[in-house]
PDB file of N, CA and C in Angstrom:
ATOM      1  N   UNK A   1       5.804  -5.585  -9.849  1.00  0.00           N
ATOM      2  CA  UNK A   1       4.914  -3.742  -9.832  1.00  0.00           C
ATOM      3  C   UNK A   1       5.255  -3.086  -8.716  1.00  0.00           C
ATOM      4  N   UNK A   2       4.993  -2.040  -8.343  1.00  0.00           N
ATOM      5  CA  UNK A   2       5.339  -1.258  -7.492  1.00  0.00           C
ATOM      6  C   UNK A   2       4.020  -0.523  -7.180  1.00  0.00           C
ATOM      7  N   UNK A   3       3.215  -0.604  -5.547  1.00  0.00           N
ATOM      8  CA  UNK A   3       2.571   0.296  -5.571  1.00  0.00           C
ATOM      9  C   UNK A   3       2.586   1.407  -4.220  1.00  0.00           C
ATOM     10  N   UNK A   4       1.921   2.746  -4.452  1.00  0.00           N
ATOM     11  CA  UNK A   4       2.592   3.660  -3.867  1.00  0.00           C
ATOM     12  C   UNK A   4       0.820   4.425  -2.943  1.00  0.00           C
ATOM     13  N   UNK A   5       1.277   4.266  -1.949  1.00  0.00           N
ATOM     14  CA  UNK A   5      -0.089   4.838  -0.925  1.00  0.00           C
ATOM     15  C   UNK A   5       0.762   6.010  -0.492  1.00  0.00           C
ATOM     16  N   UNK A   6      -0.608   7.506  -0.652  1.00  0.00           N
ATOM     17  CA  UNK A   6       0.040   8.800  -0.011  1.00  0.00           C
ATOM     18  C   UNK A   6      -0.730   8.726   1.373  1.00  0.00           C
ATOM     19  N   UNK A   7      -0.334   8.576   3.033  1.00  0.00           N
ATOM     20  CA  UNK A   7      -0.866   8.751   3.743  1.00  0.00           C
ATOM     21  C   UNK A   7      -1.483  10.260   4.089  1.00  0.00           C
ATOM     22  N   UNK A   8      -2.389  10.487   4.764  1.00  0.00           N
ATOM     23  CA  UNK A   8      -2.813  11.515   4.914  1.00  0.00           C
ATOM     24  C   UNK A   8      -2.275  12.147   6.568  1.00  0.00           C
ATOM     25  N   UNK A   9      -1.981  13.516   6.318  1.00  0.00           N
ATOM     26  CA  UNK A   9      -0.933  14.459   7.417  1.00  0.00           C
ATOM     27  C   UNK A   9      -1.451  14.006   8.750  1.00  0.00           C
ATOM     28  N   UNK A  10      -2.725  13.622   9.364  1.00  0.00           N
ATOM     29  CA  UNK A  10      -2.872  13.049  10.099  1.00  0.00           C
ATOM     30  C   UNK A  10      -2.416  11.849  10.693  1.00  0.00           C
ATOM     31  N   UNK A  11      -1.880  11.252   9.998  1.00  0.00           N
ATOM     32  CA  UNK A  11      -1.468   9.586  10.282  1.00  0.00           C
ATOM     33  C   UNK A  11      -0.098   9.397  10.880  1.00  0.00           C
ATOM     34  N   UNK A  12       0.619  10.545  10.873  1.00  0.00           N
ATOM     35  CA  UNK A  12       2.158  10.863  10.785  1.00  0.00           C
ATOM     36  C   UNK A  12       2.040  11.568  12.659  1.00  0.00           C
ATOM     37  N   UNK A  13       2.755  10.236  13.621  1.00  0.00           N
ATOM     38  CA  UNK A  13       2.624  11.320  14.742  1.00  0.00           C
ATOM     39  C   UNK A  13       3.118  12.334  15.015  1.00  0.00           C
ATOM     40  N   UNK A  14       2.807  13.250  15.999  1.00  0.00           N
ATOM     41  CA  UNK A  14       2.991  14.338  15.958  1.00  0.00           C
ATOM     42  C   UNK A  14       4.328  14.870  16.306  1.00  0.00           C
ATOM     43  N   UNK A  15       5.335  13.632  17.626  1.00  0.00           N
ATOM     44  CA  UNK A  15       6.512  13.658  17.363  1.00  0.00           C
ATOM     45  C   UNK A  15       7.440  13.900  16.374  1.00  0.00           C
ATOM     46  N   UNK A  16       6.825  12.993  15.048  1.00  0.00           N
ATOM     47  CA  UNK A  16       7.742  12.660  14.018  1.00  0.00           C
ATOM     48  C   UNK A  16       7.536  13.918  13.199  1.00  0.00           C
ATOM     49  N   UNK A  17       6.343  14.602  13.051  1.00  0.00           N
ATOM     50  CA  UNK A  17       6.249  15.746  12.115  1.00  0.00           C
ATOM     51  C   UNK A  17       7.476  16.898  11.964  1.00  0.00           C
ATOM     52  N   UNK A  18       7.865  16.763  12.864  1.00  0.00           N
ATOM     53  CA  UNK A  18       8.846  18.142  12.530  1.00  0.00           C
ATOM     54  C   UNK A  18      10.273  17.404  11.581  1.00  0.00           C
ATOM     55  N   UNK A  19      10.154  16.553  11.449  1.00  0.00           N
ATOM     56  CA  UNK A  19      11.221  15.702  10.543  1.00  0.00           C
ATOM     57  C   UNK A  19      10.472  15.402   9.351  1.00  0.00           C
ATOM     58  N   UNK A  20       9.439  15.840   9.201  1.00  0.00           N
ATOM     59  CA  UNK A  20       9.242  15.650   8.215  1.00  0.00           C
ATOM     60  C   UNK A  20       8.925  14.838   7.291  1.00  0.00           C
ATOM     61  N   UNK A  21       8.713  13.487   7.436  1.00  0.00           N
ATOM     62  CA  UNK A  21       8.615  12.205   6.679  1.00  0.00           C
ATOM     63  C   UNK A  21       8.044  12.264   5.917  1.00  0.00           C
ATOM     64  N   UNK A  22       8.348  11.115   4.978  1.00  0.00           N
ATOM     65  CA  UNK A  22       7.802  11.101   3.393  1.00  0.00           C
ATOM     66  C   UNK A  22       6.212  10.118   3.814  1.00  0.00           C
ATOM     67  N   UNK A  23       5.137  11.117   3.455  1.00  0.00           N
ATOM     68  CA  UNK A  23       3.419  10.550   3.746  1.00  0.00           C
ATOM     69  C   UNK A  23       3.764   9.631   2.511  1.00  0.00           C
ATOM     70  N   UNK A  24       4.464   9.113   1.834  1.00  0.00           N
ATOM     71  CA  UNK A  24       4.496   7.935   0.381  1.00  0.00           C
ATOM     72  C   UNK A  24       5.141   6.818   1.513  1.00  0.00           C
ATOM     73  N   UNK A  25       4.300   5.759   1.516  1.00  0.00           N
ATOM     74  CA  UNK A  25       4.989   4.325   1.503  1.00  0.00           C
ATOM     75  C   UNK A  25       4.915   3.634   0.389  1.00  0.00           C
ATOM     76  N   UNK A  26       5.828   3.301  -0.209  1.00  0.00           N
ATOM     77  CA  UNK A  26       6.425   2.192  -1.278  1.00  0.00           C
ATOM     78  C   UNK A  26       6.152   0.863  -1.451  1.00  0.00           C
ATOM     79  N   UNK A  27       5.590   0.103  -1.761  1.00  0.00           N
ATOM     80  CA  UNK A  27       5.981  -1.583  -1.820  1.00  0.00           C
ATOM     81  C   UNK A  27       5.982  -1.975  -3.037  1.00  0.00           C
ATOM     82  N   UNK A  28       7.537  -1.918  -2.985  1.00  0.00           N
ATOM     83  CA  UNK A  28       8.353  -2.588  -4.426  1.00  0.00           C
ATOM     84  C   UNK A  28       8.720  -4.104  -4.532  1.00  0.00           C
ATOM     85  N   UNK A  29       9.219  -4.530  -5.357  1.00  0.00           N
ATOM     86  CA  UNK A  29       9.801  -5.592  -5.870  1.00  0.00           C
ATOM     87  C   UNK A  29      11.099  -5.329  -5.484  1.00  0.00           C
ATOM     88  N   UNK A  30      11.727  -5.780  -4.385  1.00  0.00           N
ATOM     89  CA  UNK A  30      13.286  -5.353  -4.629  1.00  0.00           C
ATOM     90  C   UNK A  30      14.246  -6.247  -5.427  1.00  0.00           C
ATOM     91  N   UNK A  31      13.603  -7.263  -5.784  1.00  0.00           N
ATOM     92  CA  UNK A  31      14.329  -8.339  -6.388  1.00  0.00           C
ATOM     93  C   UNK A  31      13.696  -8.896  -7.689  1.00  0.00           C
ATOM     94  N   UNK A  32      13.716  -7.748  -8.828  1.00  0.00           N
ATOM     95  CA  UNK A  32      13.503  -8.104 -10.022  1.00  0.00           C
ATOM     96  C   UNK A  32      13.411  -9.559 -10.836  1.00  0.00           C
ATOM     97  N   UNK A  33      12.421 -10.024 -11.366  1.00  0.00           N
ATOM     98  CA  UNK A  33      12.656 -11.049 -12.252  1.00  0.00           C
ATOM     99  C   UNK A  33      12.442 -12.238 -11.045  1.00  0.00           C
ATOM    100  N   UNK A  34      12.043 -12.094  -9.839  1.00  0.00           N
ATOM    101  CA  UNK A  34      11.219 -13.656  -8.556  1.00  0.00           C
ATOM    102  C   UNK A  34       9.908 -13.302  -9.166  1.00  0.00           C
ATOM    103  N   UNK A  35       9.335 -12.581 -10.205  1.00  0.00           N
ATOM    104  CA  UNK A  35       7.960 -12.825  -9.644  1.00  0.00           C
ATOM    105  C   UNK A  35       7.121 -12.406  -8.636  1.00  0.00           C
ATOM    106  N   UNK A  36       7.578 -11.655  -8.361  1.00  0.00           N
ATOM    107  CA  UNK A  36       7.041 -10.993  -7.055  1.00  0.00           C
ATOM    108  C   UNK A  36       6.543  -9.882  -7.421  1.00  0.00           C
ATOM    109  N   UNK A  37       4.646  -9.625  -7.110  1.00  0.00           N
ATOM    110  CA  UNK A  37       4.149  -8.846  -7.764  1.00  0.00           C
ATOM    111  C   UNK A  37       3.003  -8.397  -6.743  1.00  0.00           C
ATOM    112  N   UNK A  38       3.021  -6.611  -6.058  1.00  0.00           N
ATOM    113  CA  UNK A  38       2.061  -6.076  -5.360  1.00  0.00           C
ATOM    114  C   UNK A  38       1.006  -5.346  -6.276  1.00  0.00           C
ATOM    115  N   UNK A  39       0.054  -5.496  -5.587  1.00  0.00           N
ATOM    116  CA  UNK A  39      -1.411  -4.868  -6.200  1.00  0.00           C
ATOM    117  C   UNK A  39      -2.157  -4.369  -5.022  1.00  0.00           C
ATOM    118  N   UNK A  40      -2.911  -3.308  -5.288  1.00  0.00           N
ATOM    119  CA  UNK A  40      -4.023  -2.710  -4.279  1.00  0.00           C
ATOM    120  C   UNK A  40      -5.660  -3.013  -4.292  1.00  0.00           C
ATOM    121  N   UNK A  41      -6.410  -2.950  -3.582  1.00  0.00           N
ATOM    122  CA  UNK A  41      -7.691  -3.041  -3.875  1.00  0.00           C
ATOM    123  C   UNK A  41      -8.416  -2.192  -2.562  1.00  0.00           C
ATOM    124  N   UNK A  42      -9.569  -1.543  -2.593  1.00  0.00           N
ATOM    125  CA  UNK A  42     -10.439  -0.910  -2.172  1.00  0.00           C
ATOM    126  C   UNK A  42     -11.704  -1.859  -1.660  1.00  0.00           C
ATOM    127  N   UNK A  43     -11.794  -2.096  -0.179  1.00  0.00           N
ATOM    128  CA  UNK A  43     -12.691  -2.284   0.196  1.00  0.00           C
ATOM    129  C   UNK A  43     -14.186  -1.623   0.375  1.00  0.00           C
ATOM    130  N   UNK A  44     -15.372  -2.224   0.163  1.00  0.00           N
ATOM    131  CA  UNK A  44     -16.405  -1.359   0.323  1.00  0.00           C
ATOM    132  C   UNK A  44     -16.181  -0.719   1.535  1.00  0.00           C
ATOM    133  N   UNK A  45     -15.931  -1.260   2.589  1.00  0.00           N
ATOM    134  CA  UNK A  45     -15.455   0.329   4.081  1.00  0.00           C
ATOM    135  C   UNK A  45     -14.756   1.531   3.869  1.00  0.00           C
ATOM    136  N   UNK A  46     -14.161   1.478   2.333  1.00  0.00           N
ATOM    137  CA  UNK A  46     -13.077   2.212   2.670  1.00  0.00           C
ATOM    138  C   UNK A  46     -11.486   2.226   2.875  1.00  0.00           C
ATOM    139  N   UNK A  47     -11.272   0.809   3.201  1.00  0.00           N
ATOM    140  CA  UNK A  47      -9.992   0.490   3.556  1.00  0.00           C
ATOM    141  C   UNK A  47      -9.136   0.348   2.408  1.00  0.00           C
ATOM    142  N   UNK A  48      -7.462   0.216   2.300  1.00  0.00           N
ATOM    143  CA  UNK A  48      -6.745  -0.198   1.151  1.00  0.00           C
ATOM    144  C   UNK A  48      -6.709  -1.120   1.764  1.00  0.00           C
ATOM    145  N   UNK A  49      -6.275  -2.384   0.699  1.00  0.00           N
ATOM    146  CA  UNK A  49      -5.805  -3.434   0.985  1.00  0.00           C
ATOM    147  C   UNK A  49      -4.379  -3.501   0.079  1.00  0.00           C
ATOM    148  N   UNK A  50      -2.780  -4.458   0.827  1.00  0.00           N
ATOM    149  CA  UNK A  50      -2.238  -4.310  -0.600  1.00  0.00           C
ATOM    150  C   UNK A  50      -1.713  -5.348  -0.316  1.00  0.00           C
ATOM    151  N   UNK A  51      -1.635  -6.007  -1.486  1.00  0.00           N
ATOM    152  CA  UNK A  51      -1.473  -7.439  -1.473  1.00  0.00           C
ATOM    153  C   UNK A  51      -0.185  -8.021  -2.066  1.00  0.00           C
ATOM    154  N   UNK A  52       0.747  -8.726  -1.543  1.00  0.00           N
ATOM    155  CA  UNK A  52       1.940  -9.403  -2.449  1.00  0.00           C
ATOM    156  C   UNK A  52       1.528 -10.743  -3.139  1.00  0.00           C
ATOM    157  N   UNK A  53       1.830 -10.589  -4.561  1.00  0.00           N
ATOM    158  CA  UNK A  53       1.767 -11.900  -4.794  1.00  0.00           C
ATOM    159  C   UNK A  53       3.173 -12.249  -4.999  1.00  0.00           C
ATOM    160  N   UNK A  54       3.118 -13.807  -5.175  1.00  0.00           N
ATOM    161  CA  UNK A  54       4.484 -14.618  -5.654  1.00  0.00           C
ATOM    162  C   UNK A  54       4.317 -15.984  -6.178  1.00  0.00           C
ATOM    163  N   UNK A  55       5.286 -16.629  -6.155  1.00  0.00           N
ATOM    164  CA  UNK A  55       4.833 -18.361  -5.993  1.00  0.00           C
ATOM    165  C   UNK A  55       4.354 -18.874  -5.367  1.00  0.00           C
ATOM    166  N   UNK A  56       4.227 -18.475  -4.173  1.00  0.00           N
ATOM    167  CA  UNK A  56       3.798 -19.120  -2.932  1.00  0.00           C
ATOM    168  C   UNK A  56       2.384 -18.554  -3.049  1.00  0.00           C
ATOM    169  N   UNK A  57       1.516 -17.895  -3.323  1.00  0.00           N
ATOM    170  CA  UNK A  57       0.477 -17.403  -3.372  1.00  0.00           C
ATOM    171  C   UNK A  57       0.114 -16.177  -3.154  1.00  0.00           C
ATOM    172  N   UNK A  58      -0.776 -15.826  -2.243  1.00  0.00           N
ATOM    173  CA  UNK A  58      -0.988 -14.400  -2.437  1.00  0.00           C
ATOM    174  C   UNK A  58      -1.361 -14.087  -0.886  1.00  0.00           C
ATOM    175  N   UNK A  59      -1.011 -12.346  -0.022  1.00  0.00           N
ATOM    176  CA  UNK A  59      -0.540 -12.916   1.201  1.00  0.00           C
ATOM    177  C   UNK A  59      -0.724 -11.181   1.317  1.00  0.00           C
ATOM    178  N   UNK A  60      -1.502 -10.798   2.373  1.00  0.00           N
ATOM    179  CA  UNK A  60      -2.222  -9.414   2.297  1.00  0.00           C
ATOM    180  C   UNK A  60      -0.968  -8.839   3.714  1.00  0.00           C
ATOM    181  N   UNK A  61      -0.054  -7.947   2.504  1.00  0.00           N
ATOM    182  CA  UNK A  61       1.381  -6.963   3.324  1.00  0.00           C
ATOM    183  C   UNK A  61       0.935  -6.097   4.209  1.00  0.00           C
ATOM    184  N   UNK A  62      -0.101  -5.431   3.950  1.00  0.00           N
ATOM    185  CA  UNK A  62      -0.925  -3.950   4.718  1.00  0.00           C
ATOM    186  C   UNK A  62      -2.241  -3.964   4.364  1.00  0.00           C
ATOM    187  N   UNK A  63      -2.768  -3.158   5.694  1.00  0.00           N
ATOM    188  CA  UNK A  63      -4.405  -2.334   5.205  1.00  0.00           C
ATOM    189  C   UNK A  63      -4.133  -1.135   5.752  1.00  0.00           C
ATOM    190  N   UNK A  64      -4.684  -0.386   5.304  1.00  0.00           N
ATOM    191  CA  UNK A  64      -4.825   1.307   5.973  1.00  0.00           C
ATOM    192  C   UNK A  64      -6.595   1.272   6.259  1.00  0.00           C
ATOM    193  N   UNK A  65      -6.639   2.187   7.219  1.00  0.00           N
ATOM    194  CA  UNK A  65      -7.932   2.580   7.432  1.00  0.00           C
ATOM    195  C   UNK A  65      -8.680   3.493   6.742  1.00  0.00           C
ATOM    196  N   UNK A  66      -9.768   3.736   5.947  1.00  0.00           N
ATOM    197  CA  UNK A  66     -10.219   4.508   5.060  1.00  0.00           C
ATOM    198  C   UNK A  66     -10.010   6.385   5.860  1.00  0.00           C
ATOM    199  N   UNK A  67      -9.423   6.533   6.745  1.00  0.00           N
ATOM    200  CA  UNK A  67      -9.118   7.634   7.131  1.00  0.00           C
ATOM    201  C   UNK A  67      -7.637   8.022   7.231  1.00  0.00           C
ATOM    202  N   UNK A  68      -7.291   6.961   7.062  1.00  0.00           N
ATOM    203  CA  UNK A  68      -5.495   7.016   6.774  1.00  0.00           C
ATOM    204  C   UNK A  68      -4.778   7.314   5.508  1.00  0.00           C
ATOM    205  N   UNK A  69      -5.283   7.062   4.789  1.00  0.00           N
ATOM    206  CA  UNK A  69      -4.625   7.255   3.086  1.00  0.00           C
ATOM    207  C   UNK A  69      -5.605   8.040   2.391  1.00  0.00           C
ATOM    208  N   UNK A  70      -5.053   8.696   1.104  1.00  0.00           N
ATOM    209  CA  UNK A  70      -5.651   9.528   0.330  1.00  0.00           C
ATOM    210  C   UNK A  70      -5.194   9.444  -0.918  1.00  0.00           C
ATOM    211  N   UNK A  71      -4.437   8.163  -1.055  1.00  0.00           N
ATOM    212  CA  UNK A  71      -4.300   7.900  -2.733  1.00  0.00           C
ATOM    213  C   UNK A  71      -3.307   6.676  -2.916  1.00  0.00           C
ATOM    214  N   UNK A  72      -3.530   6.139  -3.705  1.00  0.00           N
ATOM    215  CA  UNK A  72      -2.698   4.755  -3.914  1.00  0.00           C
ATOM    216  C   UNK A  72      -2.835   4.846  -5.801  1.00  0.00           C
ATOM    217  N   UNK A  73      -1.506   4.226  -6.002  1.00  0.00           N
ATOM    218  CA  UNK A  73      -1.133   3.866  -7.488  1.00  0.00           C
ATOM    219  C   UNK A  73      -0.432   2.686  -7.754  1.00  0.00           C
ATOM    220  N   UNK A  74      -0.493   2.384  -8.624  1.00  0.00           N
ATOM    221  CA  UNK A  74      -0.012   0.869  -8.928  1.00  0.00           C
ATOM    222  C   UNK A  74      -1.008  -0.409  -9.533  1.00  0.00           C
ATOM    223  N   UNK A  75      -1.113  -1.485  -9.266  1.00  0.00           N
ATOM    224  CA  UNK A  75      -1.676  -2.258 -10.126  1.00  0.00           C
ATOM    225  C   UNK A  75      -2.960  -2.192  -9.477  1.00  0.00           C
ATOM    226  N   UNK A  76      -3.966  -1.951  -9.659  1.00  0.00           N
ATOM    227  CA  UNK A  76      -5.639  -2.211  -8.870  1.00  0.00           C
ATOM    228  C   UNK A  76      -5.925  -3.670  -9.159  1.00  0.00           C
ATOM    229  N   UNK A  77      -5.604  -4.649  -7.978  1.00  0.00           N
ATOM    230  CA  UNK A  77      -6.769  -5.995  -7.412  1.00  0.00           C
ATOM    231  C   UNK A  77      -8.186  -5.899  -7.695  1.00  0.00           C
ATOM    232  N   UNK A  78      -8.800  -6.008  -8.591  1.00  0.00           N
ATOM    233  CA  UNK A  78     -10.149  -5.505  -8.523  1.00  0.00           C
ATOM    234  C   UNK A  78     -10.599  -6.787  -8.474  1.00  0.00           C
ATOM    235  N   UNK A  79     -10.016  -7.976  -8.615  1.00  0.00           N
ATOM    236  CA  UNK A  79     -10.301  -9.452  -8.198  1.00  0.00           C
ATOM    237  C   UNK A  79     -10.768  -9.927  -6.543  1.00  0.00           C
ATOM    238  N   UNK A  80      -9.874  -8.919  -5.789  1.00  0.00           N
ATOM    239  CA  UNK A  80      -9.957  -9.156  -4.588  1.00  0.00           C
ATOM    240  C   UNK A  80     -10.716  -7.818  -3.596  1.00  0.00           C
ATOM    241  N   UNK A  81     -10.850  -6.957  -4.430  1.00  0.00           N
ATOM    242  CA  UNK A  81     -11.740  -5.673  -4.148  1.00  0.00           C
ATOM    243  C   UNK A  81     -13.147  -6.496  -3.661  1.00  0.00           C
TER     244      UNK A  81
END
């Protein structure tokens, strides 16, 4: 499963804003069928945690602070939230 994260505009460095980079970060399974699954959870602090699960277990792939993101979609992992 893919998780999409939309970052707040203030998280884009000023020197990159003129290039109009996408504010959406995607965490994709680039190799379907390999059993990789991305999920997200929101901690009590408001931090967003993106996790990667595969046959080797669970790994935190990325963490965004509460003032860095505005939206997440995909598989919500409430077990680690």
